[in-house]
Amino acid sequence: MIMAFYSLSKIPFAKETKGMSPYTSRSFQEAMGCLTYMKQVRGMALVVGDPGAGKTYALGAFAEGLGQSLYKVIYFPLSTGTVTDFYRGLAFGLGEQPQSRKVDLFRQIQQAISRLFYEQKITPVFILDEMQMAKDVFLQDLSLLFNFHMDTQNPFVLLICGWPYLRDRLSLNPHRSLSQRLLVRHQVEPLDKEEVKGYMEHHLAYAGAKYPIFTEDAIEAVSACSNGYPRLINLLAMHALLYGSQNKKEQIDAEVIRIIAPECGLALR
């Protein structure tokens, strides 16, 4: 319905945007700069961001840009399992058949990383997401698990990711060892007002829009409701397009955003 009414070739603001180049906001460029640096120097980094700010999107864009012949990406969103489950997940991600005991898993993971890096010339890139939920013992074990040759070499890239308060947790005394090994600390920020407009136009251009579907005041309303968080922009825009197509509105104005905002759990002030 949306595509036909607005003469679009693709659905804009969808989660799957295959073939669309990323919108290079200031925050996205800064995040990619930090991640590219980590690719060059290897080691540990902390990447945090509020929910919906674009942290996972930036991590995904970084991972997609890594050559498969030179890098092996292991993405592991933390669950509520045990430390042994965590180790087993890492071993499985490395292509190993996980051992049973924690001590054997520890050795298995380190040996697999060493084989990849030193023998196959492939750098393992670990993206540990949602680490704000990690138990203290998880974080403490990371310092031990990723300690190679008495901490003189980094045959890996480890990105510890989560919500901003993860950064505060790592500053506490029990995690000083891990914190001191972080080469980069970066927080992904939401879009500013001008970037919200550019972001929406970027998505609409990708979808083949032939005219400005959202009026200027509608874009300002989306910016105000979403506070610049891309996930909320997408949610508002999709609801607005659905409402507009159902009600035969060729252009989406601020009144439409005001109407659909409560359906998204938001309000236009």
Protein backbone atom coordinates (compact mmCIF):
# COMPACT_ATOMS: atom_id res chain seq x y z
CA MET A 1 0.00 0.00 0.00
CA ILE A 2 2.77 2.46 0.95
CA MET A 3 4.85 1.71 -2.14
CA ALA A 4 1.93 1.99 -4.55
CA PHE A 5 0.44 5.16 -3.06
CA TYR A 6 3.74 7.06 -2.88
CA SER A 7 5.16 5.50 -6.08
CA LEU A 8 8.13 4.00 -4.28
CA SER A 9 10.34 1.20 -5.58
CA LYS A 10 11.31 0.01 -2.08
CA ILE A 11 10.04 0.28 1.47
CA PRO A 12 11.91 3.12 3.23
CA PHE A 13 12.89 3.15 6.92
CA ALA A 14 12.78 -0.65 7.11
CA LYS A 15 15.21 -2.73 9.15
CA GLU A 16 16.44 -4.50 6.02
CA THR A 17 17.91 -1.97 3.57
CA LYS A 18 20.02 -4.19 1.33
CA GLY A 19 22.06 -2.18 -1.14
CA MET A 20 21.58 1.15 0.65
CA SER A 21 24.76 2.98 1.60
CA PRO A 22 24.92 4.11 5.25
CA TYR A 23 23.87 7.63 6.13
CA THR A 24 27.19 9.14 7.20
CA SER A 25 26.22 11.31 10.15
CA ARG A 26 28.93 12.88 12.29
CA SER A 27 28.42 10.20 14.96
CA PHE A 28 28.57 7.39 12.39
CA GLN A 29 31.81 8.75 10.92
CA GLU A 30 33.36 9.06 14.38
CA ALA A 31 32.34 5.51 15.26
CA MET A 32 33.75 4.13 12.01
CA GLY A 33 36.97 6.07 12.58
CA CYS A 34 37.41 4.47 15.99
CA LEU A 35 36.58 1.00 14.67
CA THR A 36 38.95 1.39 11.72
CA TYR A 37 41.70 2.37 14.16
CA MET A 38 41.02 -0.79 16.15
CA LYS A 39 41.29 -2.85 12.97
CA GLN A 40 44.75 -1.40 12.43
CA VAL A 41 46.15 -1.70 15.97
CA ARG A 42 44.09 -4.64 17.33
CA GLY A 43 43.23 -5.10 21.00
CA MET A 44 40.26 -4.10 23.14
CA ALA A 45 37.78 -1.23 22.76
CA LEU A 46 34.58 -0.09 24.43
CA VAL A 47 31.65 1.06 22.26
CA VAL A 48 28.53 2.30 24.04
CA GLY A 49 25.30 4.04 23.07
CA ASP A 50 21.73 4.49 24.21
CA PRO A 51 19.18 2.05 22.75
CA GLY A 52 18.31 3.11 19.21
CA ALA A 53 21.24 5.52 18.79
CA GLY A 54 22.80 3.44 15.99
CA LYS A 55 25.50 1.52 17.86
CA THR A 56 24.61 -1.89 16.44
CA TYR A 57 24.14 -0.37 12.97
CA ALA A 58 27.67 1.06 13.05
CA LEU A 59 29.06 -2.25 14.28
CA GLY A 60 27.25 -4.06 11.48
CA ALA A 61 28.58 -1.66 8.85
CA PHE A 62 32.09 -2.14 10.23
CA ALA A 63 31.76 -5.94 10.19
CA GLU A 64 30.42 -5.97 6.62
CA GLY A 65 33.40 -3.95 5.46
CA LEU A 66 35.94 -6.49 6.73
CA GLY A 67 37.41 -8.82 4.14
CA GLN A 68 36.49 -12.44 4.85
CA SER A 69 39.93 -13.60 3.79
CA LEU A 70 41.61 -11.46 6.47
CA TYR A 71 39.06 -11.27 9.30
CA LYS A 72 36.68 -13.62 11.09
CA VAL A 73 33.80 -11.84 12.83
CA ILE A 74 32.30 -13.46 15.92
CA TYR A 75 29.19 -11.57 17.03
CA PHE A 76 27.96 -12.62 20.45
CA PRO A 77 25.00 -10.84 22.11
CA LEU A 78 25.24 -11.63 25.80
CA SER A 79 22.52 -13.83 27.21
CA THR A 80 21.70 -14.66 30.80
CA GLY A 81 23.65 -17.93 30.71
CA THR A 82 26.62 -18.98 32.76
CA VAL A 83 30.27 -18.10 32.17
CA THR A 84 30.75 -21.58 30.74
CA ASP A 85 27.90 -20.94 28.28
CA PHE A 86 29.67 -17.72 27.32
CA TYR A 87 32.92 -19.59 26.69
CA ARG A 88 31.10 -22.25 24.70
CA GLY A 89 29.51 -19.57 22.53
CA LEU A 90 32.90 -18.03 21.75
CA ALA A 91 34.41 -21.43 20.95
CA PHE A 92 31.51 -22.24 18.63
CA GLY A 93 31.87 -18.85 16.92
CA LEU A 94 35.51 -19.67 16.26
CA GLY A 95 34.45 -22.87 14.50
CA GLU A 96 35.41 -25.17 17.36
CA GLN A 97 33.47 -28.01 18.94
CA PRO A 98 33.25 -26.67 22.53
CA GLN A 99 34.92 -28.63 25.30
CA SER A 100 33.01 -29.49 28.45
CA ARG A 101 35.07 -27.95 31.24
CA LYS A 102 35.73 -24.23 31.62
CA VAL A 103 39.49 -24.71 31.89
CA ASP A 104 39.52 -26.70 28.64
CA LEU A 105 37.32 -24.10 26.92
CA PHE A 106 39.73 -21.37 28.01
CA ARG A 107 42.66 -23.17 26.41
CA GLN A 108 40.59 -24.09 23.31
CA ILE A 109 39.60 -20.47 22.66
CA GLN A 110 43.12 -19.14 23.08
CA GLN A 111 44.57 -21.83 20.82
CA ALA A 112 41.90 -21.19 18.16
CA ILE A 113 42.67 -17.44 18.18
CA SER A 114 46.39 -18.13 17.89
CA ARG A 115 45.92 -20.56 14.99
CA LEU A 116 43.76 -18.10 13.09
CA PHE A 117 46.12 -15.18 13.56
CA TYR A 118 49.59 -16.74 13.41
CA GLU A 119 49.03 -19.66 11.05
CA GLN A 120 46.13 -18.59 8.80
CA LYS A 121 46.84 -14.84 8.96
CA ILE A 122 43.20 -14.16 9.87
CA THR A 123 42.36 -11.69 12.65
CA PRO A 124 39.43 -12.74 14.85
CA VAL A 125 37.07 -9.80 15.53
CA PHE A 126 34.88 -10.37 18.58
CA ILE A 127 31.81 -8.13 18.95
CA LEU A 128 30.35 -8.73 22.40
CA ASP A 129 27.03 -6.87 22.50
CA GLU A 130 24.61 -6.05 25.34
CA MET A 131 27.48 -6.32 27.82
CA GLN A 132 25.72 -3.98 30.24
CA MET A 133 23.96 -7.15 31.42
CA ALA A 134 27.24 -9.00 32.04
CA LYS A 135 27.89 -10.32 35.51
CA ASP A 136 31.09 -9.13 37.16
CA VAL A 137 32.67 -12.55 36.70
CA PHE A 138 32.13 -12.28 32.92
CA LEU A 139 34.00 -8.98 32.76
CA GLN A 140 36.79 -10.22 35.01
CA ASP A 141 37.28 -13.32 32.87
CA LEU A 142 37.72 -11.23 29.72
CA SER A 143 41.02 -9.86 31.00
CA LEU A 144 42.29 -13.40 31.50
CA LEU A 145 40.86 -14.94 28.34
CA PHE A 146 42.31 -12.24 26.05
CA ASN A 147 45.76 -12.15 27.63
CA PHE A 148 48.33 -13.47 25.14
CA HIS A 149 52.07 -13.92 25.71
CA MET A 150 52.00 -12.13 29.07
CA ASP A 151 49.88 -9.33 27.55
CA THR A 152 52.54 -8.40 24.98
CA GLN A 153 50.53 -9.28 21.85
CA ASN A 154 46.96 -8.74 20.60
CA PRO A 155 46.12 -11.34 17.93
CA PHE A 156 42.48 -10.22 17.96
CA VAL A 157 40.06 -7.29 17.98
CA LEU A 158 37.65 -7.29 20.93
CA LEU A 159 34.77 -4.80 20.92
CA ILE A 160 32.91 -4.64 24.24
CA CYS A 161 29.56 -3.02 23.53
CA GLY A 162 26.53 -1.96 25.53
CA TRP A 163 24.61 0.89 27.11
CA PRO A 164 26.47 3.95 28.46
CA TYR A 165 26.42 2.83 32.08
CA LEU A 166 28.69 -0.07 31.09
CA ARG A 167 31.46 2.54 30.90
CA ASP A 168 30.77 3.47 34.53
CA ARG A 169 30.84 -0.17 35.60
CA LEU A 170 34.26 -0.67 34.04
CA SER A 171 35.62 2.26 36.04
CA LEU A 172 34.94 0.40 39.30
CA ASN A 173 37.82 -1.22 41.12
CA PRO A 174 37.03 -4.89 40.30
CA HIS A 175 37.34 -4.12 36.58
CA ARG A 176 40.41 -1.86 36.59
CA SER A 177 42.51 -4.48 34.80
CA LEU A 178 40.05 -4.69 31.91
CA SER A 179 39.52 -0.92 31.81
CA GLN A 180 43.24 -0.21 31.61
CA ARG A 181 43.54 -2.42 28.53
CA LEU A 182 40.92 -0.53 26.54
CA LEU A 183 42.59 1.31 23.68
CA VAL A 184 39.43 3.20 22.67
CA ARG A 185 36.28 4.33 24.50
CA HIS A 186 33.56 5.64 22.19
CA GLN A 187 29.93 6.62 22.67
CA VAL A 188 27.56 6.66 19.69
CA GLU A 189 25.36 9.78 19.80
CA PRO A 190 21.93 10.40 18.21
CA LEU A 191 21.46 12.63 15.16
CA ASP A 192 21.12 16.39 15.44
CA LYS A 193 18.21 18.29 13.89
CA GLU A 194 19.84 18.81 10.49
CA GLU A 195 21.01 15.21 10.37
CA VAL A 196 17.46 13.97 11.00
CA LYS A 197 16.41 15.72 7.79
CA GLY A 198 19.38 14.29 5.88
CA TYR A 199 18.73 10.83 7.29
CA MET A 200 15.07 10.85 6.21
CA GLU A 201 15.90 12.19 2.75
CA HIS A 202 18.58 9.50 2.41
CA HIS A 203 16.07 6.73 3.11
CA LEU A 204 13.43 8.21 0.82
CA ALA A 205 15.92 8.61 -2.02
CA TYR A 206 16.90 4.95 -1.59
CA ALA A 207 13.20 4.04 -1.84
CA GLY A 208 12.83 6.01 -5.09
CA ALA A 209 10.75 8.94 -3.82
CA LYS A 210 10.00 11.36 -6.66
CA TYR A 211 8.93 14.32 -4.49
CA PRO A 212 9.27 15.47 -0.84
CA ILE A 213 6.82 13.18 0.95
CA PHE A 214 7.47 14.72 4.37
CA THR A 215 6.99 18.47 4.76
CA GLU A 216 9.57 20.56 6.61
CA ASP A 217 7.33 20.85 9.66
CA ALA A 218 6.79 17.07 9.64
CA ILE A 219 10.55 16.50 9.68
CA GLU A 220 10.90 18.93 12.57
CA ALA A 221 8.14 17.05 14.39
CA VAL A 222 9.92 13.72 13.81
CA SER A 223 13.14 15.25 15.11
CA ALA A 224 11.40 16.55 18.24
CA CYS A 225 9.61 13.24 18.94
CA SER A 226 12.60 10.99 18.31
CA ASN A 227 15.32 13.17 19.86
CA GLY A 228 17.43 12.10 16.89
CA TYR A 229 17.45 8.36 17.63
CA PRO A 230 17.43 6.54 14.25
CA ARG A 231 15.34 3.64 15.51
CA LEU A 232 12.58 6.02 16.62
CA ILE A 233 12.85 8.02 13.38
CA ASN A 234 12.26 4.82 11.43
CA LEU A 235 9.31 3.89 13.65
CA LEU A 236 7.65 7.29 13.33
CA ALA A 237 8.25 7.55 9.59
CA MET A 238 6.83 4.10 8.86
CA HIS A 239 3.72 4.75 10.94
CA ALA A 240 3.31 8.12 9.24
CA LEU A 241 3.57 6.63 5.75
CA LEU A 242 1.07 3.92 6.61
CA TYR A 243 -1.36 6.51 8.02
CA GLY A 244 -0.80 8.78 5.03
CA SER A 245 -1.42 6.04 2.46
CA GLN A 246 -4.58 4.90 4.27
CA ASN A 247 -5.92 8.45 4.43
CA LYS A 248 -4.83 9.50 0.90
CA LYS A 249 -2.40 12.16 2.10
CA GLU A 250 0.15 12.82 -0.63
CA GLN A 251 2.34 14.71 1.83
CA ILE A 252 2.97 13.96 5.48
CA ASP A 253 2.70 17.07 7.66
CA ALA A 254 3.28 17.74 11.37
CA GLU A 255 -0.35 16.97 12.18
CA VAL A 256 0.12 13.39 10.97
CA ILE A 257 3.18 13.01 13.22
CA ARG A 258 1.16 14.37 16.14
CA ILE A 259 -1.59 11.80 15.46
CA ILE A 260 0.64 8.73 15.08
CA ALA A 261 3.22 9.57 17.78
CA PRO A 262 1.16 8.02 20.63
CA GLU A 263 0.97 4.77 18.67
CA CYS A 264 4.78 4.71 18.83
CA GLY A 265 4.80 5.43 22.56
CA LEU A 266 5.94 9.01 21.91
CA ALA A 267 4.44 12.48 22.11
CA LEU A 268 4.99 15.68 20.18
CA ARG A 269 5.64 18.51 22.63
